[in-house]
Amino acid sequence: MEILFDKEYLRELYYDGKTSDKQHRYQPQIVKKYIRVINILDAVDKVTDLFRFNSLNYEKLSGDKLGLESVRVNDQYRIEFKSSDETDKGITICNIIELSNHYK
């Protein structure tokens, strides 16, 4: 799949392993797992193939996040993304969020 990044810090995190701004700093083990998950997203042929990876907990979001999908980085963080239709085979990474913030 083609991976696009909605925000510059997400691209930096993937390619450089760190971000240039101080607002989006993550622990090295989180960055390593983030890169691993992006590599999995890049490797699959279509988004529905993510169901094979139980540890990712792939889901389509609802409510105010309708149209977004997510996979888990670990128990604390998840990656939110938008996928194109299955023939286009594209994913746009929108956000990496801490789960505890999501449920507040």
N, C-alpha and C. Protein backbone atom coordinates (compact mmCIF):
# COMPACT_ATOMS: atom_id res chain seq x y z
N MET A 1 0.84 -1.18 0.00
CA MET A 1 0.00 0.00 0.00
C MET A 1 0.88 1.24 0.00
N GLU A 2 0.34 2.29 -0.52
CA GLU A 2 1.05 3.57 -0.46
C GLU A 2 0.70 4.25 0.86
N ILE A 3 1.72 4.67 1.59
CA ILE A 3 1.53 5.33 2.87
C ILE A 3 1.79 6.81 2.72
N LEU A 4 0.81 7.63 3.11
CA LEU A 4 0.95 9.08 3.13
C LEU A 4 0.79 9.53 4.58
N PHE A 5 1.38 10.65 4.91
CA PHE A 5 1.30 11.15 6.28
C PHE A 5 0.58 12.49 6.27
N ASP A 6 -0.44 12.61 7.11
CA ASP A 6 -1.26 13.81 7.21
C ASP A 6 -0.47 14.96 7.84
N LYS A 7 0.40 14.64 8.76
CA LYS A 7 1.18 15.67 9.49
C LYS A 7 2.67 15.37 9.38
N GLU A 8 3.47 16.41 9.37
CA GLU A 8 4.91 16.27 9.19
C GLU A 8 5.55 15.47 10.32
N TYR A 9 5.10 15.66 11.56
CA TYR A 9 5.72 14.93 12.66
C TYR A 9 5.54 13.42 12.53
N LEU A 10 4.44 12.97 11.91
CA LEU A 10 4.22 11.54 11.70
C LEU A 10 5.21 10.98 10.68
N ARG A 11 5.48 11.76 9.64
CA ARG A 11 6.47 11.36 8.64
C ARG A 11 7.86 11.31 9.26
N GLU A 12 8.23 12.33 10.02
CA GLU A 12 9.54 12.37 10.69
C GLU A 12 9.70 11.19 11.64
N LEU A 13 8.66 10.89 12.37
CA LEU A 13 8.71 9.78 13.32
C LEU A 13 9.01 8.47 12.60
N TYR A 14 8.43 8.29 11.43
CA TYR A 14 8.65 7.05 10.67
C TYR A 14 10.04 7.03 10.02
N TYR A 15 10.41 8.07 9.33
CA TYR A 15 11.67 8.06 8.58
C TYR A 15 12.90 8.37 9.43
N ASP A 16 12.76 9.25 10.42
CA ASP A 16 13.91 9.67 11.23
C ASP A 16 13.94 9.04 12.62
N GLY A 17 12.82 8.50 13.07
CA GLY A 17 12.76 7.91 14.40
C GLY A 17 12.60 8.93 15.51
N LYS A 18 12.42 10.19 15.13
CA LYS A 18 12.20 11.27 16.11
C LYS A 18 11.55 12.44 15.38
N THR A 19 11.06 13.40 16.15
CA THR A 19 10.43 14.58 15.55
C THR A 19 11.24 15.81 15.87
N SER A 20 11.10 16.82 15.04
CA SER A 20 11.85 18.06 15.25
C SER A 20 11.16 18.98 16.25
N ASP A 21 9.86 18.79 16.47
CA ASP A 21 9.17 19.64 17.45
C ASP A 21 9.11 18.94 18.81
N LYS A 22 9.02 19.73 19.85
CA LYS A 22 9.04 19.19 21.21
C LYS A 22 7.67 18.71 21.66
N GLN A 23 6.64 19.06 20.94
CA GLN A 23 5.28 18.68 21.34
C GLN A 23 5.00 17.20 21.10
N HIS A 24 5.65 16.61 20.09
CA HIS A 24 5.37 15.22 19.72
C HIS A 24 6.60 14.34 19.95
N ARG A 25 6.95 14.16 21.20
CA ARG A 25 8.07 13.28 21.57
C ARG A 25 7.51 12.00 22.16
N TYR A 26 8.10 10.89 21.76
CA TYR A 26 7.66 9.58 22.24
C TYR A 26 8.87 8.79 22.71
N GLN A 27 8.63 7.85 23.60
CA GLN A 27 9.69 6.97 24.09
C GLN A 27 10.21 6.11 22.93
N PRO A 28 11.50 5.75 22.95
CA PRO A 28 12.09 4.95 21.85
C PRO A 28 11.35 3.65 21.56
N GLN A 29 10.85 2.96 22.58
CA GLN A 29 10.14 1.71 22.34
C GLN A 29 8.80 1.96 21.62
N ILE A 30 8.16 3.10 21.86
CA ILE A 30 6.92 3.46 21.17
C ILE A 30 7.23 3.75 19.70
N VAL A 31 8.30 4.49 19.46
CA VAL A 31 8.70 4.82 18.08
C VAL A 31 9.02 3.55 17.31
N LYS A 32 9.71 2.62 17.94
CA LYS A 32 10.06 1.36 17.29
C LYS A 32 8.80 0.58 16.90
N LYS A 33 7.83 0.52 17.80
CA LYS A 33 6.58 -0.18 17.51
C LYS A 33 5.75 0.57 16.47
N TYR A 34 5.77 1.91 16.51
CA TYR A 34 5.09 2.72 15.49
C TYR A 34 5.63 2.40 14.10
N ILE A 35 6.95 2.35 13.98
CA ILE A 35 7.58 2.03 12.70
C ILE A 35 7.20 0.62 12.25
N ARG A 36 7.17 -0.32 13.19
CA ARG A 36 6.79 -1.70 12.86
C ARG A 36 5.36 -1.76 12.32
N VAL A 37 4.45 -1.03 12.96
CA VAL A 37 3.05 -1.04 12.52
C VAL A 37 2.91 -0.37 11.14
N ILE A 38 3.61 0.72 10.91
CA ILE A 38 3.56 1.37 9.60
C ILE A 38 4.10 0.42 8.53
N ASN A 39 5.16 -0.32 8.84
CA ASN A 39 5.70 -1.30 7.90
C ASN A 39 4.67 -2.39 7.56
N ILE A 40 3.89 -2.81 8.56
CA ILE A 40 2.83 -3.79 8.32
C ILE A 40 1.77 -3.18 7.41
N LEU A 41 1.37 -1.93 7.70
CA LEU A 41 0.38 -1.26 6.86
C LEU A 41 0.88 -1.16 5.42
N ASP A 42 2.16 -0.91 5.25
CA ASP A 42 2.76 -0.79 3.93
C ASP A 42 2.79 -2.13 3.20
N ALA A 43 2.93 -3.21 3.96
CA ALA A 43 3.11 -4.54 3.37
C ALA A 43 1.80 -5.21 2.93
N VAL A 44 0.69 -4.86 3.55
CA VAL A 44 -0.56 -5.54 3.21
C VAL A 44 -1.09 -5.06 1.85
N ASP A 45 -1.81 -5.95 1.17
CA ASP A 45 -2.37 -5.61 -0.13
C ASP A 45 -3.64 -4.78 -0.03
N LYS A 46 -4.43 -5.06 0.99
CA LYS A 46 -5.66 -4.30 1.22
C LYS A 46 -5.91 -4.20 2.71
N VAL A 47 -6.69 -3.22 3.10
CA VAL A 47 -6.90 -2.92 4.51
C VAL A 47 -7.52 -4.10 5.26
N THR A 48 -8.38 -4.85 4.62
CA THR A 48 -9.02 -5.98 5.31
C THR A 48 -8.01 -7.06 5.70
N ASP A 49 -6.82 -7.07 5.09
CA ASP A 49 -5.77 -8.01 5.49
C ASP A 49 -5.28 -7.75 6.91
N LEU A 50 -5.57 -6.57 7.45
CA LEU A 50 -5.14 -6.24 8.82
C LEU A 50 -5.83 -7.10 9.86
N PHE A 51 -6.96 -7.69 9.52
CA PHE A 51 -7.66 -8.58 10.47
C PHE A 51 -6.81 -9.79 10.83
N ARG A 52 -5.85 -10.15 9.97
CA ARG A 52 -4.98 -11.31 10.25
C ARG A 52 -4.03 -11.04 11.41
N PHE A 53 -3.77 -9.78 11.70
CA PHE A 53 -2.84 -9.41 12.76
C PHE A 53 -3.64 -9.06 14.02
N ASN A 54 -3.85 -10.06 14.86
CA ASN A 54 -4.68 -9.85 16.05
C ASN A 54 -4.13 -8.78 16.98
N SER A 55 -2.81 -8.65 17.07
CA SER A 55 -2.21 -7.69 17.99
C SER A 55 -2.48 -6.24 17.58
N LEU A 56 -2.86 -6.02 16.33
CA LEU A 56 -3.14 -4.65 15.87
C LEU A 56 -4.52 -4.17 16.28
N ASN A 57 -5.43 -5.07 16.58
CA ASN A 57 -6.81 -4.71 16.93
C ASN A 57 -7.41 -3.73 15.93
N TYR A 58 -7.32 -4.07 14.65
CA TYR A 58 -7.85 -3.20 13.59
C TYR A 58 -9.34 -2.98 13.78
N GLU A 59 -9.78 -1.72 13.65
CA GLU A 59 -11.20 -1.41 13.74
C GLU A 59 -11.53 -0.15 12.96
N LYS A 60 -12.75 -0.09 12.47
CA LYS A 60 -13.28 1.13 11.86
C LYS A 60 -13.92 1.92 12.99
N LEU A 61 -13.61 3.19 13.06
CA LEU A 61 -14.12 4.01 14.15
C LEU A 61 -15.49 4.56 13.80
N SER A 62 -16.23 4.94 14.83
CA SER A 62 -17.58 5.47 14.63
C SER A 62 -17.73 6.76 15.42
N GLY A 63 -18.91 7.31 15.41
CA GLY A 63 -19.18 8.54 16.15
C GLY A 63 -18.50 9.73 15.51
N ASP A 64 -17.83 10.54 16.32
CA ASP A 64 -17.17 11.74 15.79
C ASP A 64 -15.93 11.40 14.96
N LYS A 65 -15.50 10.16 14.96
CA LYS A 65 -14.33 9.73 14.18
C LYS A 65 -14.76 8.84 13.01
N LEU A 66 -15.99 8.97 12.58
CA LEU A 66 -16.51 8.19 11.46
C LEU A 66 -15.67 8.45 10.21
N GLY A 67 -15.30 7.40 9.53
CA GLY A 67 -14.45 7.51 8.34
C GLY A 67 -12.99 7.21 8.63
N LEU A 68 -12.64 7.15 9.91
CA LEU A 68 -11.28 6.80 10.31
C LEU A 68 -11.23 5.33 10.72
N GLU A 69 -10.04 4.77 10.63
CA GLU A 69 -9.80 3.41 11.09
C GLU A 69 -8.61 3.47 12.03
N SER A 70 -8.41 2.43 12.82
CA SER A 70 -7.28 2.47 13.74
C SER A 70 -6.67 1.09 13.94
N VAL A 71 -5.41 1.11 14.31
CA VAL A 71 -4.68 -0.07 14.73
C VAL A 71 -3.90 0.31 15.98
N ARG A 72 -3.64 -0.67 16.82
CA ARG A 72 -2.92 -0.41 18.06
C ARG A 72 -1.42 -0.48 17.85
N VAL A 73 -0.72 0.44 18.48
CA VAL A 73 0.74 0.39 18.54
C VAL A 73 1.11 -0.48 19.74
N ASN A 74 0.45 -0.22 20.86
CA ASN A 74 0.57 -1.03 22.08
C ASN A 74 -0.71 -0.81 22.88
N ASP A 75 -0.68 -1.13 24.16
CA ASP A 75 -1.88 -0.96 24.99
C ASP A 75 -2.22 0.50 25.22
N GLN A 76 -1.27 1.39 25.03
CA GLN A 76 -1.47 2.80 25.35
C GLN A 76 -1.71 3.68 24.13
N TYR A 77 -1.17 3.34 22.98
CA TYR A 77 -1.25 4.19 21.79
C TYR A 77 -1.89 3.45 20.62
N ARG A 78 -2.53 4.23 19.76
CA ARG A 78 -3.04 3.69 18.51
C ARG A 78 -2.78 4.68 17.39
N ILE A 79 -2.79 4.17 16.17
CA ILE A 79 -2.62 4.98 14.97
C ILE A 79 -3.98 5.09 14.30
N GLU A 80 -4.41 6.31 14.04
CA GLU A 80 -5.64 6.52 13.29
C GLU A 80 -5.27 6.83 11.85
N PHE A 81 -6.02 6.26 10.92
CA PHE A 81 -5.73 6.48 9.51
C PHE A 81 -7.00 6.44 8.67
N LYS A 82 -6.89 6.96 7.45
CA LYS A 82 -7.95 6.87 6.46
C LYS A 82 -7.44 5.99 5.34
N SER A 83 -8.27 5.09 4.88
CA SER A 83 -7.87 4.27 3.75
C SER A 83 -8.69 4.66 2.54
N SER A 84 -8.07 4.58 1.38
CA SER A 84 -8.78 4.82 0.13
C SER A 84 -9.60 3.58 -0.16
N ASP A 85 -10.39 3.64 -1.22
CA ASP A 85 -11.13 2.42 -1.55
C ASP A 85 -10.12 1.32 -1.88
N GLU A 86 -10.55 0.09 -1.84
CA GLU A 86 -9.62 -1.05 -1.92
C GLU A 86 -8.88 -1.14 -3.25
N THR A 87 -9.40 -0.54 -4.32
CA THR A 87 -8.68 -0.60 -5.59
C THR A 87 -7.53 0.38 -5.63
N ASP A 88 -7.61 1.46 -4.85
CA ASP A 88 -6.57 2.48 -4.84
C ASP A 88 -5.37 2.07 -4.00
N LYS A 89 -5.60 1.25 -2.98
CA LYS A 89 -4.54 0.72 -2.12
C LYS A 89 -3.70 1.82 -1.48
N GLY A 90 -4.34 2.82 -0.91
CA GLY A 90 -3.63 3.90 -0.25
C GLY A 90 -4.11 4.10 1.17
N ILE A 91 -3.17 4.52 2.04
CA ILE A 91 -3.49 4.80 3.43
C ILE A 91 -2.89 6.15 3.77
N THR A 92 -3.65 7.00 4.44
CA THR A 92 -3.14 8.26 4.96
C THR A 92 -3.13 8.17 6.47
N ILE A 93 -1.95 8.25 7.06
CA ILE A 93 -1.81 8.22 8.52
C ILE A 93 -2.22 9.58 9.05
N CYS A 94 -3.21 9.61 9.93
CA CYS A 94 -3.77 10.87 10.41
C CYS A 94 -3.25 11.27 11.78
N ASN A 95 -3.02 10.29 12.65
CA ASN A 95 -2.72 10.65 14.03
C ASN A 95 -2.18 9.44 14.77
N ILE A 96 -1.37 9.72 15.80
CA ILE A 96 -1.03 8.70 16.79
C ILE A 96 -1.51 9.28 18.11
N ILE A 97 -2.39 8.56 18.78
CA ILE A 97 -2.99 9.12 19.98
C ILE A 97 -2.82 8.17 21.16
N GLU A 98 -2.82 8.78 22.33
CA GLU A 98 -2.79 8.02 23.56
C GLU A 98 -4.21 7.62 23.91
N LEU A 99 -4.43 6.37 24.17
CA LEU A 99 -5.78 5.87 24.39
C LEU A 99 -6.47 6.49 25.59
N SER A 100 -5.73 6.79 26.62
CA SER A 100 -6.37 7.37 27.80
C SER A 100 -6.98 8.72 27.47
N ASN A 101 -6.41 9.47 26.53
CA ASN A 101 -6.99 10.75 26.12
C ASN A 101 -8.27 10.55 25.32
N HIS A 102 -8.35 9.45 24.58
CA HIS A 102 -9.51 9.19 23.74
C HIS A 102 -10.79 9.02 24.55
N TYR A 103 -10.70 8.44 25.73
CA TYR A 103 -11.88 8.10 26.48
C TYR A 103 -12.28 9.17 27.50
N LYS A 104 -11.62 10.31 27.50
CA LYS A 104 -11.98 11.39 28.44
C LYS A 104 -13.15 12.19 27.94
